Amino acid sequence: MRYRIALVGALVVLAVTGLEGCRAIRNLGGTCHDVQPYTKAGSVPALKIPAGLDAPDNANALHIPALNTPAPPPRKRADPCLDEPPPFKTPKQAPPQA
């Protein structure tokens, strides 16, 4: 009798795990809506060269331009993550009225 109860319990666990799929595993590390560590990154000051030493050649240094566009609207919890592909079928937009 104990064997049957353990077997039924194991089958229930397997069924629930199979129905859940990889979603539970994917969400173990949090969701894309959580604050990510890279969002708190900041710039470092320019390299200061002591007197008497040659400055490095920074002609090919990466220059990041200033961002002059407004920030996008905040994403809601119900919105899908940006790293998920969009739906295969998208509704067609109506042609513009003249």
N, C-alpha and C. Protein backbone atom coordinates (compact mmCIF):
# COMPACT_ATOMS: atom_id res chain seq x y z
N MET A 1 0.82 -1.20 0.00
CA MET A 1 0.00 0.00 0.00
C MET A 1 0.87 1.26 0.00
N ARG A 2 1.93 1.24 0.81
CA ARG A 2 2.82 2.40 0.85
C ARG A 2 3.48 2.62 -0.50
N TYR A 3 3.79 1.53 -1.16
CA TYR A 3 4.43 1.61 -2.47
C TYR A 3 3.50 2.32 -3.46
N ARG A 4 2.23 2.00 -3.43
CA ARG A 4 1.27 2.62 -4.34
C ARG A 4 1.11 4.11 -4.06
N ILE A 5 1.07 4.47 -2.78
CA ILE A 5 0.94 5.89 -2.42
C ILE A 5 2.17 6.66 -2.89
N ALA A 6 3.36 6.09 -2.69
CA ALA A 6 4.58 6.75 -3.14
C ALA A 6 4.61 6.85 -4.66
N LEU A 7 4.15 5.82 -5.34
CA LEU A 7 4.12 5.83 -6.80
C LEU A 7 3.14 6.88 -7.32
N VAL A 8 1.97 6.97 -6.71
CA VAL A 8 0.99 7.98 -7.11
C VAL A 8 1.54 9.38 -6.84
N GLY A 9 2.18 9.57 -5.70
CA GLY A 9 2.78 10.87 -5.39
C GLY A 9 3.85 11.25 -6.40
N ALA A 10 4.68 10.29 -6.77
CA ALA A 10 5.73 10.57 -7.76
C ALA A 10 5.12 10.90 -9.11
N LEU A 11 4.07 10.19 -9.50
CA LEU A 11 3.40 10.48 -10.77
C LEU A 11 2.76 11.86 -10.78
N VAL A 12 2.19 12.26 -9.65
CA VAL A 12 1.59 13.60 -9.56
C VAL A 12 2.68 14.66 -9.69
N VAL A 13 3.80 14.46 -9.02
CA VAL A 13 4.91 15.42 -9.12
C VAL A 13 5.42 15.49 -10.55
N LEU A 14 5.58 14.37 -11.21
CA LEU A 14 6.03 14.36 -12.61
C LEU A 14 5.03 15.04 -13.52
N ALA A 15 3.75 14.81 -13.29
CA ALA A 15 2.73 15.44 -14.13
C ALA A 15 2.73 16.95 -13.97
N VAL A 16 2.81 17.41 -12.73
CA VAL A 16 2.83 18.86 -12.49
C VAL A 16 4.09 19.47 -13.09
N THR A 17 5.21 18.82 -12.93
CA THR A 17 6.46 19.32 -13.51
C THR A 17 6.37 19.36 -15.02
N GLY A 18 5.80 18.34 -15.62
CA GLY A 18 5.65 18.31 -17.07
C GLY A 18 4.72 19.38 -17.59
N LEU A 19 3.64 19.64 -16.84
CA LEU A 19 2.71 20.68 -17.27
C LEU A 19 3.32 22.07 -17.11
N GLU A 20 4.14 22.24 -16.12
CA GLU A 20 4.76 23.54 -15.88
C GLU A 20 5.85 23.83 -16.90
N GLY A 21 6.52 22.81 -17.37
CA GLY A 21 7.57 23.00 -18.38
C GLY A 21 8.78 23.69 -17.79
N CYS A 22 9.46 24.45 -18.61
CA CYS A 22 10.68 25.13 -18.20
C CYS A 22 10.42 26.49 -17.57
N ARG A 23 9.17 26.88 -17.46
CA ARG A 23 8.86 28.20 -16.93
C ARG A 23 9.40 28.39 -15.52
N ALA A 24 9.24 27.38 -14.67
CA ALA A 24 9.71 27.50 -13.29
C ALA A 24 11.23 27.62 -13.25
N ILE A 25 11.91 26.87 -14.10
CA ILE A 25 13.37 26.93 -14.13
C ILE A 25 13.83 28.29 -14.63
N ARG A 26 13.16 28.82 -15.64
CA ARG A 26 13.55 30.11 -16.21
C ARG A 26 13.36 31.23 -15.20
N ASN A 27 12.34 31.13 -14.34
CA ASN A 27 12.06 32.20 -13.40
C ASN A 27 12.84 32.09 -12.10
N LEU A 28 13.69 31.09 -11.96
CA LEU A 28 14.48 30.96 -10.73
C LEU A 28 15.41 32.15 -10.54
N GLY A 29 15.95 32.68 -11.60
CA GLY A 29 16.88 33.80 -11.51
C GLY A 29 16.18 35.14 -11.49
N GLY A 30 14.87 35.19 -11.35
CA GLY A 30 14.14 36.44 -11.39
C GLY A 30 13.56 36.65 -12.78
N THR A 31 12.89 37.76 -12.94
CA THR A 31 12.30 38.06 -14.23
C THR A 31 13.01 39.24 -14.85
N CYS A 32 12.69 39.52 -16.09
CA CYS A 32 13.33 40.63 -16.78
C CYS A 32 12.84 41.97 -16.23
N HIS A 33 11.75 41.96 -15.47
CA HIS A 33 11.22 43.20 -14.92
C HIS A 33 11.91 43.59 -13.62
N ASP A 34 12.71 42.71 -13.05
CA ASP A 34 13.45 43.04 -11.83
C ASP A 34 14.58 44.01 -12.17
N VAL A 35 15.03 44.76 -11.18
CA VAL A 35 16.15 45.68 -11.39
C VAL A 35 17.40 44.85 -11.63
N GLN A 36 18.08 45.12 -12.73
CA GLN A 36 19.28 44.38 -13.11
C GLN A 36 20.53 45.12 -12.61
N PRO A 37 21.60 44.41 -12.29
CA PRO A 37 22.81 45.07 -11.78
C PRO A 37 23.41 46.08 -12.76
N TYR A 38 23.30 45.83 -14.05
CA TYR A 38 23.92 46.74 -15.00
C TYR A 38 23.22 48.10 -15.06
N THR A 39 21.99 48.19 -14.56
CA THR A 39 21.29 49.47 -14.60
C THR A 39 21.86 50.46 -13.60
N LYS A 40 22.65 49.98 -12.65
CA LYS A 40 23.25 50.85 -11.64
C LYS A 40 24.69 51.21 -11.99
N ALA A 41 25.15 50.80 -13.18
CA ALA A 41 26.53 51.06 -13.57
C ALA A 41 26.74 52.56 -13.80
N GLY A 42 27.94 53.01 -13.54
CA GLY A 42 28.27 54.42 -13.74
C GLY A 42 29.57 54.57 -14.50
N SER A 43 29.86 55.76 -14.91
CA SER A 43 31.10 56.04 -15.63
C SER A 43 32.23 56.25 -14.64
N VAL A 44 33.41 56.02 -15.11
CA VAL A 44 34.61 56.27 -14.30
C VAL A 44 35.29 57.51 -14.86
N PRO A 45 36.00 58.24 -14.01
CA PRO A 45 36.68 59.44 -14.52
C PRO A 45 37.80 59.06 -15.49
N ALA A 46 38.21 60.05 -16.27
CA ALA A 46 39.28 59.83 -17.25
C ALA A 46 40.58 59.49 -16.52
N LEU A 47 41.44 58.81 -17.23
CA LEU A 47 42.73 58.40 -16.69
C LEU A 47 43.61 59.62 -16.45
N LYS A 48 44.19 59.73 -15.25
CA LYS A 48 45.08 60.84 -14.92
C LYS A 48 46.52 60.34 -15.05
N ILE A 49 47.28 61.01 -15.88
CA ILE A 49 48.66 60.61 -16.13
C ILE A 49 49.59 61.42 -15.24
N PRO A 50 50.44 60.77 -14.47
CA PRO A 50 51.39 61.52 -13.63
C PRO A 50 52.40 62.30 -14.50
N ALA A 51 52.92 63.35 -13.93
CA ALA A 51 53.89 64.17 -14.65
C ALA A 51 55.13 63.33 -14.99
N GLY A 52 55.66 63.55 -16.18
CA GLY A 52 56.85 62.85 -16.61
C GLY A 52 56.56 61.57 -17.38
N LEU A 53 55.32 61.14 -17.47
CA LEU A 53 54.98 59.93 -18.22
C LEU A 53 54.19 60.30 -19.47
N ASP A 54 54.30 59.45 -20.49
CA ASP A 54 53.59 59.69 -21.73
C ASP A 54 52.14 59.23 -21.59
N ALA A 55 51.26 60.03 -22.15
CA ALA A 55 49.83 59.66 -22.14
C ALA A 55 49.58 58.58 -23.18
N PRO A 56 48.67 57.65 -22.92
CA PRO A 56 48.37 56.61 -23.91
C PRO A 56 47.64 57.21 -25.11
N ASP A 57 47.78 56.54 -26.23
CA ASP A 57 47.10 56.98 -27.45
C ASP A 57 45.62 56.62 -27.32
N ASN A 58 44.78 57.62 -27.21
CA ASN A 58 43.34 57.36 -27.09
C ASN A 58 42.58 57.85 -28.32
N ALA A 59 43.25 57.85 -29.47
CA ALA A 59 42.59 58.27 -30.71
C ALA A 59 41.46 57.31 -31.08
N ASN A 60 41.61 56.06 -30.76
CA ASN A 60 40.59 55.06 -31.08
C ASN A 60 39.70 54.73 -29.88
N ALA A 61 39.69 55.60 -28.90
CA ALA A 61 38.88 55.35 -27.71
C ALA A 61 37.40 55.43 -28.06
N LEU A 62 36.62 54.70 -27.33
CA LEU A 62 35.18 54.67 -27.55
C LEU A 62 34.55 55.89 -26.90
N HIS A 63 33.88 56.70 -27.70
CA HIS A 63 33.19 57.88 -27.19
C HIS A 63 31.69 57.61 -27.26
N ILE A 64 31.03 57.69 -26.12
CA ILE A 64 29.60 57.45 -26.07
C ILE A 64 28.90 58.79 -26.16
N PRO A 65 28.06 58.97 -27.16
CA PRO A 65 27.38 60.26 -27.31
C PRO A 65 26.33 60.47 -26.22
N ALA A 66 25.99 61.72 -26.00
CA ALA A 66 24.95 62.04 -25.01
C ALA A 66 23.60 61.58 -25.54
N LEU A 67 22.77 61.10 -24.66
CA LEU A 67 21.44 60.63 -25.03
C LEU A 67 20.47 61.80 -24.92
N ASN A 68 19.98 62.26 -26.04
CA ASN A 68 19.10 63.42 -26.06
C ASN A 68 17.64 63.06 -26.33
N THR A 69 17.33 61.78 -26.36
CA THR A 69 15.95 61.36 -26.60
C THR A 69 15.28 61.06 -25.26
N PRO A 70 13.97 61.22 -25.20
CA PRO A 70 13.28 60.92 -23.92
C PRO A 70 13.31 59.42 -23.64
N ALA A 71 13.20 59.09 -22.39
CA ALA A 71 13.20 57.69 -21.98
C ALA A 71 11.91 57.01 -22.45
N PRO A 72 11.98 55.73 -22.80
CA PRO A 72 10.76 55.03 -23.20
C PRO A 72 9.83 54.88 -22.00
N PRO A 73 8.55 54.66 -22.25
CA PRO A 73 7.62 54.48 -21.12
C PRO A 73 7.99 53.23 -20.33
N PRO A 74 7.78 53.26 -19.03
CA PRO A 74 8.13 52.08 -18.23
C PRO A 74 7.29 50.88 -18.62
N ARG A 75 7.91 49.72 -18.56
CA ARG A 75 7.21 48.48 -18.91
C ARG A 75 6.42 47.99 -17.71
N LYS A 76 5.26 47.41 -18.00
CA LYS A 76 4.41 46.89 -16.94
C LYS A 76 4.74 45.42 -16.70
N ARG A 77 4.31 44.91 -15.57
CA ARG A 77 4.57 43.51 -15.23
C ARG A 77 3.93 42.56 -16.25
N ALA A 78 2.81 42.97 -16.83
CA ALA A 78 2.11 42.11 -17.78
C ALA A 78 2.78 42.10 -19.14
N ASP A 79 3.63 43.08 -19.44
CA ASP A 79 4.32 43.14 -20.73
C ASP A 79 5.34 42.01 -20.82
N PRO A 80 5.52 41.42 -21.99
CA PRO A 80 6.53 40.37 -22.12
C PRO A 80 7.93 40.94 -22.04
N CYS A 81 8.88 40.10 -21.73
CA CYS A 81 10.27 40.53 -21.69
C CYS A 81 10.74 40.87 -23.10
N LEU A 82 11.69 41.76 -23.21
CA LEU A 82 12.17 42.17 -24.52
C LEU A 82 12.99 41.09 -25.19
N ASP A 83 13.51 40.14 -24.45
CA ASP A 83 14.31 39.09 -25.07
C ASP A 83 13.45 37.93 -25.57
N GLU A 84 12.15 38.03 -25.39
CA GLU A 84 11.25 37.02 -25.92
C GLU A 84 10.85 37.42 -27.33
N PRO A 85 10.74 36.48 -28.25
CA PRO A 85 10.36 36.85 -29.61
C PRO A 85 8.93 37.38 -29.65
N PRO A 86 8.64 38.26 -30.59
CA PRO A 86 7.27 38.75 -30.71
C PRO A 86 6.36 37.64 -31.23
N PRO A 87 5.06 37.81 -31.11
CA PRO A 87 4.15 36.78 -31.61
C PRO A 87 4.31 36.63 -33.12
N PHE A 88 4.11 35.41 -33.59
CA PHE A 88 4.30 35.12 -35.01
C PHE A 88 3.29 35.88 -35.86
N LYS A 89 2.05 35.87 -35.44
CA LYS A 89 1.01 36.57 -36.19
C LYS A 89 0.76 37.92 -35.55
N THR A 90 0.90 38.96 -36.34
CA THR A 90 0.63 40.31 -35.85
C THR A 90 -0.57 40.87 -36.61
N PRO A 91 -1.40 41.63 -35.94
CA PRO A 91 -2.56 42.18 -36.64
C PRO A 91 -2.11 43.22 -37.68
N LYS A 92 -2.78 43.20 -38.81
CA LYS A 92 -2.45 44.17 -39.85
C LYS A 92 -3.05 45.52 -39.49
N GLN A 93 -2.26 46.57 -39.74
CA GLN A 93 -2.75 47.91 -39.45
C GLN A 93 -3.61 48.39 -40.61
N ALA A 94 -4.61 49.17 -40.26
CA ALA A 94 -5.48 49.73 -41.28
C ALA A 94 -4.72 50.78 -42.07
N PRO A 95 -4.96 50.89 -43.37
CA PRO A 95 -4.26 51.91 -44.14
C PRO A 95 -4.67 53.30 -43.67
N PRO A 96 -3.77 54.27 -43.74
CA PRO A 96 -4.10 55.62 -43.26
C PRO A 96 -5.20 56.24 -44.13
N GLN A 97 -6.07 56.97 -43.46
CA GLN A 97 -7.14 57.66 -44.17
C GLN A 97 -6.62 58.95 -44.78
N ALA A 98 -7.02 59.23 -46.01
CA ALA A 98 -6.53 60.43 -46.69
C ALA A 98 -7.36 61.64 -46.34
